[in-house]
PDB file of N, CA and C in Angstrom:
ATOM      1  N   UNK A   1       0.057 -10.499  27.843  1.00  0.00           N
ATOM      2  CA  UNK A   1      -0.182 -11.710  28.595  1.00  0.00           C
ATOM      3  C   UNK A   1       1.129 -12.482  28.685  1.00  0.00           C
ATOM      4  N   UNK A   2       1.485 -12.931  29.875  1.00  0.00           N
ATOM      5  CA  UNK A   2       2.714 -13.711  30.025  1.00  0.00           C
ATOM      6  C   UNK A   2       2.648 -15.020  29.217  1.00  0.00           C
ATOM      7  N   UNK A   3       3.753 -15.400  28.654  1.00  0.00           N
ATOM      8  CA  UNK A   3       3.819 -16.622  27.843  1.00  0.00           C
ATOM      9  C   UNK A   3       3.392 -17.855  28.623  1.00  0.00           C
ATOM     10  N   UNK A   4       3.583 -17.847  29.933  1.00  0.00           N
ATOM     11  CA  UNK A   4       3.218 -19.007  30.747  1.00  0.00           C
ATOM     12  C   UNK A   4       1.705 -19.235  30.803  1.00  0.00           C
ATOM     13  N   UNK A   5       0.927 -18.245  30.397  1.00  0.00           N
ATOM     14  CA  UNK A   5      -0.535 -18.393  30.387  1.00  0.00           C
ATOM     15  C   UNK A   5      -1.084 -18.767  29.008  1.00  0.00           C
ATOM     16  N   UNK A   6      -0.240 -18.774  28.006  1.00  0.00           N
ATOM     17  CA  UNK A   6      -0.702 -19.061  26.645  1.00  0.00           C
ATOM     18  C   UNK A   6      -1.332 -20.439  26.527  1.00  0.00           C
ATOM     19  N   UNK A   7      -0.776 -21.446  27.200  1.00  0.00           N
ATOM     20  CA  UNK A   7      -1.324 -22.801  27.090  1.00  0.00           C
ATOM     21  C   UNK A   7      -2.789 -22.820  27.510  1.00  0.00           C
ATOM     22  N   UNK A   8      -3.102 -22.182  28.611  1.00  0.00           N
ATOM     23  CA  UNK A   8      -4.478 -22.165  29.088  1.00  0.00           C
ATOM     24  C   UNK A   8      -5.409 -21.522  28.066  1.00  0.00           C
ATOM     25  N   UNK A   9      -4.969 -20.431  27.465  1.00  0.00           N
ATOM     26  CA  UNK A   9      -5.798 -19.739  26.477  1.00  0.00           C
ATOM     27  C   UNK A   9      -6.048 -20.640  25.266  1.00  0.00           C
ATOM     28  N   UNK A  10      -5.011 -21.296  24.759  1.00  0.00           N
ATOM     29  CA  UNK A  10      -5.181 -22.182  23.601  1.00  0.00           C
ATOM     30  C   UNK A  10      -6.068 -23.368  23.947  1.00  0.00           C
ATOM     31  N   UNK A  11      -5.885 -23.931  25.138  1.00  0.00           N
ATOM     32  CA  UNK A  11      -6.704 -25.082  25.521  1.00  0.00           C
ATOM     33  C   UNK A  11      -8.162 -24.686  25.736  1.00  0.00           C
ATOM     34  N   UNK A  12      -8.397 -23.529  26.308  1.00  0.00           N
ATOM     35  CA  UNK A  12      -9.786 -23.076  26.457  1.00  0.00           C
ATOM     36  C   UNK A  12     -10.413 -22.800  25.094  1.00  0.00           C
ATOM     37  N   UNK A  13      -9.639 -22.272  24.165  1.00  0.00           N
ATOM     38  CA  UNK A  13     -10.149 -22.085  22.799  1.00  0.00           C
ATOM     39  C   UNK A  13     -10.501 -23.443  22.190  1.00  0.00           C
ATOM     40  N   UNK A  14      -9.665 -24.437  22.434  1.00  0.00           N
ATOM     41  CA  UNK A  14      -9.931 -25.789  21.933  1.00  0.00           C
ATOM     42  C   UNK A  14     -11.209 -26.348  22.546  1.00  0.00           C
ATOM     43  N   UNK A  15     -11.405 -26.116  23.844  1.00  0.00           N
ATOM     44  CA  UNK A  15     -12.630 -26.576  24.510  1.00  0.00           C
ATOM     45  C   UNK A  15     -13.861 -25.940  23.869  1.00  0.00           C
ATOM     46  N   UNK A  16     -13.867 -24.627  23.746  1.00  0.00           N
ATOM     47  CA  UNK A  16     -15.044 -23.943  23.205  1.00  0.00           C
ATOM     48  C   UNK A  16     -15.302 -24.326  21.752  1.00  0.00           C
ATOM     49  N   UNK A  17     -14.240 -24.536  20.975  1.00  0.00           N
ATOM     50  CA  UNK A  17     -14.416 -24.963  19.586  1.00  0.00           C
ATOM     51  C   UNK A  17     -15.081 -26.336  19.520  1.00  0.00           C
ATOM     52  N   UNK A  18     -14.696 -27.233  20.412  1.00  0.00           N
ATOM     53  CA  UNK A  18     -15.281 -28.582  20.413  1.00  0.00           C
ATOM     54  C   UNK A  18     -16.666 -28.594  21.055  1.00  0.00           C
ATOM     55  N   UNK A  19     -16.800 -27.967  22.217  1.00  0.00           N
ATOM     56  CA  UNK A  19     -18.036 -28.080  22.992  1.00  0.00           C
ATOM     57  C   UNK A  19     -19.176 -27.242  22.438  1.00  0.00           C
ATOM     58  N   UNK A  20     -18.890 -26.086  21.892  1.00  0.00           N
ATOM     59  CA  UNK A  20     -19.965 -25.183  21.505  1.00  0.00           C
ATOM     60  C   UNK A  20     -20.015 -24.874  20.011  1.00  0.00           C
ATOM     61  N   UNK A  21     -18.873 -24.740  19.392  1.00  0.00           N
ATOM     62  CA  UNK A  21     -18.851 -24.498  17.952  1.00  0.00           C
ATOM     63  C   UNK A  21     -18.985 -25.816  17.199  1.00  0.00           C
ATOM     64  N   UNK A  22     -18.629 -26.910  17.880  1.00  0.00           N
ATOM     65  CA  UNK A  22     -18.684 -28.261  17.326  1.00  0.00           C
ATOM     66  C   UNK A  22     -17.794 -28.375  16.085  1.00  0.00           C
ATOM     67  N   UNK A  23     -16.587 -27.845  16.218  1.00  0.00           N
ATOM     68  CA  UNK A  23     -15.615 -27.810  15.121  1.00  0.00           C
ATOM     69  C   UNK A  23     -14.356 -28.529  15.582  1.00  0.00           C
ATOM     70  N   UNK A  24     -14.316 -29.839  15.342  1.00  0.00           N
ATOM     71  CA  UNK A  24     -13.188 -30.640  15.800  1.00  0.00           C
ATOM     72  C   UNK A  24     -11.865 -30.227  15.167  1.00  0.00           C
ATOM     73  N   UNK A  25     -11.799 -29.944  13.854  1.00  0.00           N
ATOM     74  CA  UNK A  25     -10.523 -29.495  13.294  1.00  0.00           C
ATOM     75  C   UNK A  25     -10.005 -28.212  13.951  1.00  0.00           C
ATOM     76  N   UNK A  26     -10.893 -27.263  14.218  1.00  0.00           N
ATOM     77  CA  UNK A  26     -10.463 -26.027  14.888  1.00  0.00           C
ATOM     78  C   UNK A  26      -9.992 -26.337  16.300  1.00  0.00           C
ATOM     79  N   UNK A  27     -10.726 -27.196  17.002  1.00  0.00           N
ATOM     80  CA  UNK A  27     -10.326 -27.564  18.364  1.00  0.00           C
ATOM     81  C   UNK A  27      -8.937 -28.189  18.368  1.00  0.00           C
ATOM     82  N   UNK A  28      -8.699 -29.067  17.422  1.00  0.00           N
ATOM     83  CA  UNK A  28      -7.391 -29.721  17.343  1.00  0.00           C
ATOM     84  C   UNK A  28      -6.296 -28.724  16.971  1.00  0.00           C
ATOM     85  N   UNK A  29      -6.610 -27.780  16.110  1.00  0.00           N
ATOM     86  CA  UNK A  29      -5.625 -26.759  15.723  1.00  0.00           C
ATOM     87  C   UNK A  29      -5.288 -25.866  16.915  1.00  0.00           C
ATOM     88  N   UNK A  30      -6.290 -25.464  17.680  1.00  0.00           N
ATOM     89  CA  UNK A  30      -6.025 -24.660  18.880  1.00  0.00           C
ATOM     90  C   UNK A  30      -5.187 -25.451  19.875  1.00  0.00           C
ATOM     91  N   UNK A  31      -5.546 -26.709  20.082  1.00  0.00           N
ATOM     92  CA  UNK A  31      -4.816 -27.547  21.034  1.00  0.00           C
ATOM     93  C   UNK A  31      -3.354 -27.713  20.609  1.00  0.00           C
ATOM     94  N   UNK A  32      -3.111 -27.790  19.332  1.00  0.00           N
ATOM     95  CA  UNK A  32      -1.742 -27.950  18.823  1.00  0.00           C
ATOM     96  C   UNK A  32      -0.871 -26.733  19.130  1.00  0.00           C
ATOM     97  N   UNK A  33      -1.492 -25.581  19.329  1.00  0.00           N
ATOM     98  CA  UNK A  33      -0.752 -24.352  19.641  1.00  0.00           C
ATOM     99  C   UNK A  33      -0.327 -24.281  21.112  1.00  0.00           C
ATOM    100  N   UNK A  34      -0.910 -25.123  21.950  1.00  0.00           N
ATOM    101  CA  UNK A  34      -0.661 -25.071  23.393  1.00  0.00           C
ATOM    102  C   UNK A  34       0.726 -25.621  23.730  1.00  0.00           C
ATOM    103  N   UNK A  35       1.553 -24.771  24.275  1.00  0.00           N
ATOM    104  CA  UNK A  35       2.889 -25.163  24.724  1.00  0.00           C
ATOM    105  C   UNK A  35       2.793 -25.385  26.234  1.00  0.00           C
ATOM    106  N   UNK A  36       3.205 -26.560  26.720  1.00  0.00           N
ATOM    107  CA  UNK A  36       3.058 -26.866  28.147  1.00  0.00           C
ATOM    108  C   UNK A  36       3.634 -25.792  29.077  1.00  0.00           C
ATOM    109  N   UNK A  37       2.880 -25.528  30.129  1.00  0.00           N
ATOM    110  CA  UNK A  37       3.266 -24.539  31.128  1.00  0.00           C
ATOM    111  C   UNK A  37       2.936 -25.074  32.513  1.00  0.00           C
ATOM    112  N   UNK A  38       3.791 -24.791  33.460  1.00  0.00           N
ATOM    113  CA  UNK A  38       3.559 -25.221  34.838  1.00  0.00           C
ATOM    114  C   UNK A  38       2.368 -24.513  35.465  1.00  0.00           C
ATOM    115  N   UNK A  39       1.913 -23.422  34.878  1.00  0.00           N
ATOM    116  CA  UNK A  39       0.790 -22.670  35.438  1.00  0.00           C
ATOM    117  C   UNK A  39      -0.576 -23.164  34.983  1.00  0.00           C
ATOM    118  N   UNK A  40      -0.619 -24.086  34.046  1.00  0.00           N
ATOM    119  CA  UNK A  40      -1.893 -24.600  33.566  1.00  0.00           C
ATOM    120  C   UNK A  40      -2.445 -25.583  34.591  1.00  0.00           C
ATOM    121  N   UNK A  41      -3.688 -25.365  34.988  1.00  0.00           N
ATOM    122  CA  UNK A  41      -4.295 -26.234  35.994  1.00  0.00           C
ATOM    123  C   UNK A  41      -4.575 -27.617  35.420  1.00  0.00           C
ATOM    124  N   UNK A  42      -4.618 -28.601  36.299  1.00  0.00           N
ATOM    125  CA  UNK A  42      -4.760 -29.993  35.893  1.00  0.00           C
ATOM    126  C   UNK A  42      -6.085 -30.350  35.257  1.00  0.00           C
ATOM    127  N   UNK A  43      -7.085 -29.524  35.432  1.00  0.00           N
ATOM    128  CA  UNK A  43      -8.406 -29.836  34.888  1.00  0.00           C
ATOM    129  C   UNK A  43      -8.530 -29.538  33.398  1.00  0.00           C
ATOM    130  N   UNK A  44      -7.706 -28.661  32.874  1.00  0.00           N
ATOM    131  CA  UNK A  44      -7.918 -28.131  31.521  1.00  0.00           C
ATOM    132  C   UNK A  44      -7.691 -29.179  30.433  1.00  0.00           C
ATOM    133  N   UNK A  45      -6.633 -29.945  30.509  1.00  0.00           N
ATOM    134  CA  UNK A  45      -6.359 -30.940  29.459  1.00  0.00           C
ATOM    135  C   UNK A  45      -7.473 -31.985  29.392  1.00  0.00           C
ATOM    136  N   UNK A  46      -7.950 -32.425  30.555  1.00  0.00           N
ATOM    137  CA  UNK A  46      -9.042 -33.398  30.570  1.00  0.00           C
ATOM    138  C   UNK A  46     -10.342 -32.783  30.078  1.00  0.00           C
ATOM    139  N   UNK A  47     -10.553 -31.510  30.370  1.00  0.00           N
ATOM    140  CA  UNK A  47     -11.728 -30.797  29.887  1.00  0.00           C
ATOM    141  C   UNK A  47     -11.749 -30.798  28.362  1.00  0.00           C
ATOM    142  N   UNK A  48     -10.627 -30.482  27.750  1.00  0.00           N
ATOM    143  CA  UNK A  48     -10.514 -30.470  26.293  1.00  0.00           C
ATOM    144  C   UNK A  48     -10.728 -31.880  25.741  1.00  0.00           C
ATOM    145  N   UNK A  49     -10.102 -32.857  26.365  1.00  0.00           N
ATOM    146  CA  UNK A  49     -10.254 -34.245  25.907  1.00  0.00           C
ATOM    147  C   UNK A  49     -11.710 -34.691  25.997  1.00  0.00           C
ATOM    148  N   UNK A  50     -12.402 -34.294  27.047  1.00  0.00           N
ATOM    149  CA  UNK A  50     -13.816 -34.651  27.202  1.00  0.00           C
ATOM    150  C   UNK A  50     -14.653 -34.014  26.100  1.00  0.00           C
ATOM    151  N   UNK A  51     -14.402 -32.749  25.810  1.00  0.00           N
ATOM    152  CA  UNK A  51     -15.169 -32.056  24.775  1.00  0.00           C
ATOM    153  C   UNK A  51     -14.931 -32.677  23.402  1.00  0.00           C
ATOM    154  N   UNK A  52     -13.688 -33.001  23.107  1.00  0.00           N
ATOM    155  CA  UNK A  52     -13.383 -33.597  21.811  1.00  0.00           C
ATOM    156  C   UNK A  52     -13.964 -35.003  21.701  1.00  0.00           C
ATOM    157  N   UNK A  53     -13.896 -35.772  22.785  1.00  0.00           N
ATOM    158  CA  UNK A  53     -14.457 -37.124  22.771  1.00  0.00           C
ATOM    159  C   UNK A  53     -15.980 -37.076  22.628  1.00  0.00           C
ATOM    160  N   UNK A  54     -16.598 -36.141  23.308  1.00  0.00           N
ATOM    161  CA  UNK A  54     -18.056 -36.018  23.198  1.00  0.00           C
ATOM    162  C   UNK A  54     -18.457 -35.642  21.774  1.00  0.00           C
ATOM    163  N   UNK A  55     -17.739 -34.710  21.184  1.00  0.00           N
ATOM    164  CA  UNK A  55     -18.023 -34.313  19.812  1.00  0.00           C
ATOM    165  C   UNK A  55     -17.869 -35.500  18.860  1.00  0.00           C
ATOM    166  N   UNK A  56     -16.892 -36.346  19.129  1.00  0.00           N
ATOM    167  CA  UNK A  56     -16.652 -37.523  18.293  1.00  0.00           C
ATOM    168  C   UNK A  56     -17.621 -38.671  18.600  1.00  0.00           C
ATOM    169  N   UNK A  57     -18.448 -38.508  19.642  1.00  0.00           N
ATOM    170  CA  UNK A  57     -19.399 -39.549  20.011  1.00  0.00           C
ATOM    171  C   UNK A  57     -18.803 -40.672  20.836  1.00  0.00           C
ATOM    172  N   UNK A  58     -17.617 -40.459  21.385  1.00  0.00           N
ATOM    173  CA  UNK A  58     -16.920 -41.471  22.191  1.00  0.00           C
ATOM    174  C   UNK A  58     -17.333 -41.314  23.658  1.00  0.00           C
ATOM    175  N   UNK A  59     -18.475 -41.907  24.007  1.00  0.00           N
ATOM    176  CA  UNK A  59     -19.027 -41.754  25.355  1.00  0.00           C
ATOM    177  C   UNK A  59     -18.100 -42.276  26.460  1.00  0.00           C
ATOM    178  N   UNK A  60     -17.473 -43.443  26.313  1.00  0.00           N
ATOM    179  CA  UNK A  60     -16.591 -43.910  27.391  1.00  0.00           C
ATOM    180  C   UNK A  60     -15.449 -42.932  27.683  1.00  0.00           C
ATOM    181  N   UNK A  61     -14.815 -42.443  26.637  1.00  0.00           N
ATOM    182  CA  UNK A  61     -13.694 -41.507  26.828  1.00  0.00           C
ATOM    183  C   UNK A  61     -14.198 -40.163  27.353  1.00  0.00           C
ATOM    184  N   UNK A  62     -15.301 -39.677  26.818  1.00  0.00           N
ATOM    185  CA  UNK A  62     -15.853 -38.396  27.277  1.00  0.00           C
ATOM    186  C   UNK A  62     -16.200 -38.460  28.753  1.00  0.00           C
ATOM    187  N   UNK A  63     -16.851 -39.538  29.169  1.00  0.00           N
ATOM    188  CA  UNK A  63     -17.222 -39.690  30.577  1.00  0.00           C
ATOM    189  C   UNK A  63     -16.009 -39.778  31.491  1.00  0.00           C
ATOM    190  N   UNK A  64     -15.018 -40.555  31.085  1.00  0.00           N
ATOM    191  CA  UNK A  64     -13.808 -40.704  31.902  1.00  0.00           C
ATOM    192  C   UNK A  64     -13.038 -39.395  32.004  1.00  0.00           C
ATOM    193  N   UNK A  65     -12.901 -38.692  30.890  1.00  0.00           N
ATOM    194  CA  UNK A  65     -12.167 -37.427  30.903  1.00  0.00           C
ATOM    195  C   UNK A  65     -12.938 -36.350  31.676  1.00  0.00           C
ATOM    196  N   UNK A  66     -14.259 -36.351  31.559  1.00  0.00           N
ATOM    197  CA  UNK A  66     -15.068 -35.389  32.317  1.00  0.00           C
ATOM    198  C   UNK A  66     -14.911 -35.637  33.812  1.00  0.00           C
ATOM    199  N   UNK A  67     -14.938 -36.883  34.210  1.00  0.00           N
ATOM    200  CA  UNK A  67     -14.776 -37.220  35.624  1.00  0.00           C
ATOM    201  C   UNK A  67     -13.390 -36.805  36.121  1.00  0.00           C
ATOM    202  N   UNK A  68     -12.357 -37.055  35.330  1.00  0.00           N
ATOM    203  CA  UNK A  68     -10.995 -36.670  35.723  1.00  0.00           C
ATOM    204  C   UNK A  68     -10.874 -35.156  35.847  1.00  0.00           C
ATOM    205  N   UNK A  69     -11.459 -34.433  34.902  1.00  0.00           N
ATOM    206  CA  UNK A  69     -11.399 -32.973  34.943  1.00  0.00           C
ATOM    207  C   UNK A  69     -12.158 -32.436  36.141  1.00  0.00           C
ATOM    208  N   UNK A  70     -13.315 -33.006  36.427  1.00  0.00           N
ATOM    209  CA  UNK A  70     -14.122 -32.553  37.561  1.00  0.00           C
ATOM    210  C   UNK A  70     -13.371 -32.736  38.876  1.00  0.00           C
ATOM    211  N   UNK A  71     -12.639 -33.815  39.010  1.00  0.00           N
ATOM    212  CA  UNK A  71     -11.846 -34.051  40.225  1.00  0.00           C
ATOM    213  C   UNK A  71     -10.741 -33.009  40.368  1.00  0.00           C
ATOM    214  N   UNK A  72     -10.092 -32.667  39.275  1.00  0.00           N
ATOM    215  CA  UNK A  72      -9.006 -31.680  39.305  1.00  0.00           C
ATOM    216  C   UNK A  72      -9.527 -30.247  39.440  1.00  0.00           C
ATOM    217  N   UNK A  73     -10.749 -30.025  39.025  1.00  0.00           N
ATOM    218  CA  UNK A  73     -11.331 -28.684  39.039  1.00  0.00           C
ATOM    219  C   UNK A  73     -11.381 -28.096  40.449  1.00  0.00           C
ATOM    220  N   UNK A  74     -11.439 -28.934  41.437  1.00  0.00           N
ATOM    221  CA  UNK A  74     -11.473 -28.458  42.829  1.00  0.00           C
ATOM    222  C   UNK A  74     -10.223 -27.665  43.187  1.00  0.00           C
ATOM    223  N   UNK A  75      -9.134 -27.853  42.455  1.00  0.00           N
ATOM    224  CA  UNK A  75      -7.871 -27.162  42.729  1.00  0.00           C
ATOM    225  C   UNK A  75      -7.726 -25.863  41.937  1.00  0.00           C
ATOM    226  N   UNK A  76      -8.696 -25.564  41.098  1.00  0.00           N
ATOM    227  CA  UNK A  76      -8.639 -24.356  40.270  1.00  0.00           C
ATOM    228  C   UNK A  76      -9.131 -23.166  41.097  1.00  0.00           C
ATOM    229  N   UNK A  77      -8.365 -22.102  41.140  1.00  0.00           N
ATOM    230  CA  UNK A  77      -8.729 -20.953  41.976  1.00  0.00           C
ATOM    231  C   UNK A  77      -9.740 -20.020  41.311  1.00  0.00           C
ATOM    232  N   UNK A  78     -10.004 -20.192  40.033  1.00  0.00           N
ATOM    233  CA  UNK A  78     -10.968 -19.357  39.319  1.00  0.00           C
ATOM    234  C   UNK A  78     -12.370 -19.929  39.546  1.00  0.00           C
ATOM    235  N   UNK A  79     -13.034 -19.486  40.591  1.00  0.00           N
ATOM    236  CA  UNK A  79     -14.329 -20.038  41.008  1.00  0.00           C
ATOM    237  C   UNK A  79     -15.429 -19.841  39.969  1.00  0.00           C
ATOM    238  N   UNK A  80     -15.453 -18.698  39.297  1.00  0.00           N
ATOM    239  CA  UNK A  80     -16.518 -18.462  38.316  1.00  0.00           C
ATOM    240  C   UNK A  80     -16.397 -19.415  37.127  1.00  0.00           C
ATOM    241  N   UNK A  81     -15.205 -19.511  36.574  1.00  0.00           N
ATOM    242  CA  UNK A  81     -14.995 -20.446  35.467  1.00  0.00           C
ATOM    243  C   UNK A  81     -15.196 -21.883  35.925  1.00  0.00           C
ATOM    244  N   UNK A  82     -14.736 -22.182  37.117  1.00  0.00           N
ATOM    245  CA  UNK A  82     -14.877 -23.543  37.642  1.00  0.00           C
ATOM    246  C   UNK A  82     -16.336 -23.955  37.735  1.00  0.00           C
ATOM    247  N   UNK A  83     -17.196 -23.045  38.163  1.00  0.00           N
ATOM    248  CA  UNK A  83     -18.622 -23.358  38.270  1.00  0.00           C
ATOM    249  C   UNK A  83     -19.206 -23.659  36.888  1.00  0.00           C
ATOM    250  N   UNK A  84     -18.838 -22.852  35.893  1.00  0.00           N
ATOM    251  CA  UNK A  84     -19.315 -23.081  34.528  1.00  0.00           C
ATOM    252  C   UNK A  84     -18.822 -24.432  34.011  1.00  0.00           C
ATOM    253  N   UNK A  85     -17.525 -24.698  34.155  1.00  0.00           N
ATOM    254  CA  UNK A  85     -16.954 -25.951  33.668  1.00  0.00           C
ATOM    255  C   UNK A  85     -17.541 -27.146  34.415  1.00  0.00           C
ATOM    256  N   UNK A  86     -17.745 -27.021  35.719  1.00  0.00           N
ATOM    257  CA  UNK A  86     -18.308 -28.123  36.501  1.00  0.00           C
ATOM    258  C   UNK A  86     -19.690 -28.493  35.981  1.00  0.00           C
ATOM    259  N   UNK A  87     -20.507 -27.503  35.675  1.00  0.00           N
ATOM    260  CA  UNK A  87     -21.837 -27.780  35.120  1.00  0.00           C
ATOM    261  C   UNK A  87     -21.723 -28.539  33.799  1.00  0.00           C
ATOM    262  N   UNK A  88     -20.830 -28.064  32.918  1.00  0.00           N
ATOM    263  CA  UNK A  88     -20.661 -28.722  31.630  1.00  0.00           C
ATOM    264  C   UNK A  88     -20.131 -30.146  31.812  1.00  0.00           C
ATOM    265  N   UNK A  89     -19.187 -30.339  32.724  1.00  0.00           N
ATOM    266  CA  UNK A  89     -18.612 -31.658  32.962  1.00  0.00           C
ATOM    267  C   UNK A  89     -19.652 -32.627  33.528  1.00  0.00           C
ATOM    268  N   UNK A  90     -20.466 -32.163  34.471  1.00  0.00           N
ATOM    269  CA  UNK A  90     -21.522 -33.032  35.017  1.00  0.00           C
ATOM    270  C   UNK A  90     -22.530 -33.396  33.927  1.00  0.00           C
ATOM    271  N   UNK A  91     -22.868 -32.439  33.078  1.00  0.00           N
ATOM    272  CA  UNK A  91     -23.793 -32.721  31.987  1.00  0.00           C
ATOM    273  C   UNK A  91     -23.178 -33.719  31.003  1.00  0.00           C
ATOM    274  N   UNK A  92     -21.881 -33.624  30.774  1.00  0.00           N
ATOM    275  CA  UNK A  92     -21.194 -34.576  29.891  1.00  0.00           C
ATOM    276  C   UNK A  92     -21.178 -35.967  30.506  1.00  0.00           C
ATOM    277  N   UNK A  93     -20.967 -36.053  31.815  1.00  0.00           N
ATOM    278  CA  UNK A  93     -21.019 -37.354  32.477  1.00  0.00           C
ATOM    279  C   UNK A  93     -22.425 -37.941  32.367  1.00  0.00           C
ATOM    280  N   UNK A  94     -23.445 -37.109  32.496  1.00  0.00           N
ATOM    281  CA  UNK A  94     -24.826 -37.558  32.343  1.00  0.00           C
ATOM    282  C   UNK A  94     -25.056 -38.045  30.909  1.00  0.00           C
ATOM    283  N   UNK A  95     -24.552 -37.286  29.929  1.00  0.00           N
ATOM    284  CA  UNK A  95     -24.657 -37.675  28.527  1.00  0.00           C
ATOM    285  C   UNK A  95     -23.993 -39.042  28.305  1.00  0.00           C
ATOM    286  N   UNK A  96     -22.798 -39.217  28.846  1.00  0.00           N
ATOM    287  CA  UNK A  96     -22.068 -40.477  28.678  1.00  0.00           C
ATOM    288  C   UNK A  96     -22.820 -41.635  29.346  1.00  0.00           C
ATOM    289  N   UNK A  97     -23.356 -41.376  30.539  1.00  0.00           N
ATOM    290  CA  UNK A  97     -24.099 -42.419  31.252  1.00  0.00           C
ATOM    291  C   UNK A  97     -25.334 -42.848  30.455  1.00  0.00           C
ATOM    292  N   UNK A  98     -25.939 -41.925  29.745  1.00  0.00           N
ATOM    293  CA  UNK A  98     -27.095 -42.246  28.922  1.00  0.00           C
ATOM    294  C   UNK A  98     -26.761 -43.109  27.730  1.00  0.00           C
ATOM    295  N   UNK A  99     -25.485 -43.242  27.467  1.00  0.00           N
ATOM    296  CA  UNK A  99     -25.025 -44.094  26.367  1.00  0.00           C
ATOM    297  C   UNK A  99     -24.381 -45.366  26.892  1.00  0.00           C
ATOM    298  N   UNK A 100     -24.735 -45.713  28.133  1.00  0.00           N
ATOM    299  CA  UNK A 100     -24.281 -46.991  28.701  1.00  0.00           C
ATOM    300  C   UNK A 100     -22.944 -46.961  29.380  1.00  0.00           C
ATOM    301  N   UNK A 101     -22.399 -45.768  29.668  1.00  0.00           N
ATOM    302  CA  UNK A 101     -21.108 -45.665  30.322  1.00  0.00           C
ATOM    303  C   UNK A 101     -21.336 -45.490  31.819  1.00  0.00           C
ATOM    304  N   UNK A 102     -20.889 -46.438  32.612  1.00  0.00           N
ATOM    305  CA  UNK A 102     -21.035 -46.352  34.067  1.00  0.00           C
ATOM    306  C   UNK A 102     -20.166 -45.238  34.630  1.00  0.00           C
ATOM    307  N   UNK A 103     -20.652 -44.588  35.640  1.00  0.00           N
ATOM    308  CA  UNK A 103     -19.893 -43.515  36.292  1.00  0.00           C
ATOM    309  C   UNK A 103     -19.263 -44.004  37.578  1.00  0.00           C
TER     310      UNK A 103
END
């Protein structure tokens, strides 16, 4: 795998650790391994931030980051992953709204 793609892999690992494994220390450790790359799409960093904020119970931050990621997701060429992430992001925005965070 080209080194320019490593950031995306580490950030996606951070997302899955936070969103599904519910392991914030692991998510943070994966995120720390991510070296910035021009090839990483704009939605990924906000996706990770939304997952970590949701895990921490920070509804305002989770909702804002989910909305930012969803807006950037339209520029991602990976349609299958984008559809999965879009569903999760919309559900996170719904979760945040249920905690009094306006969308």
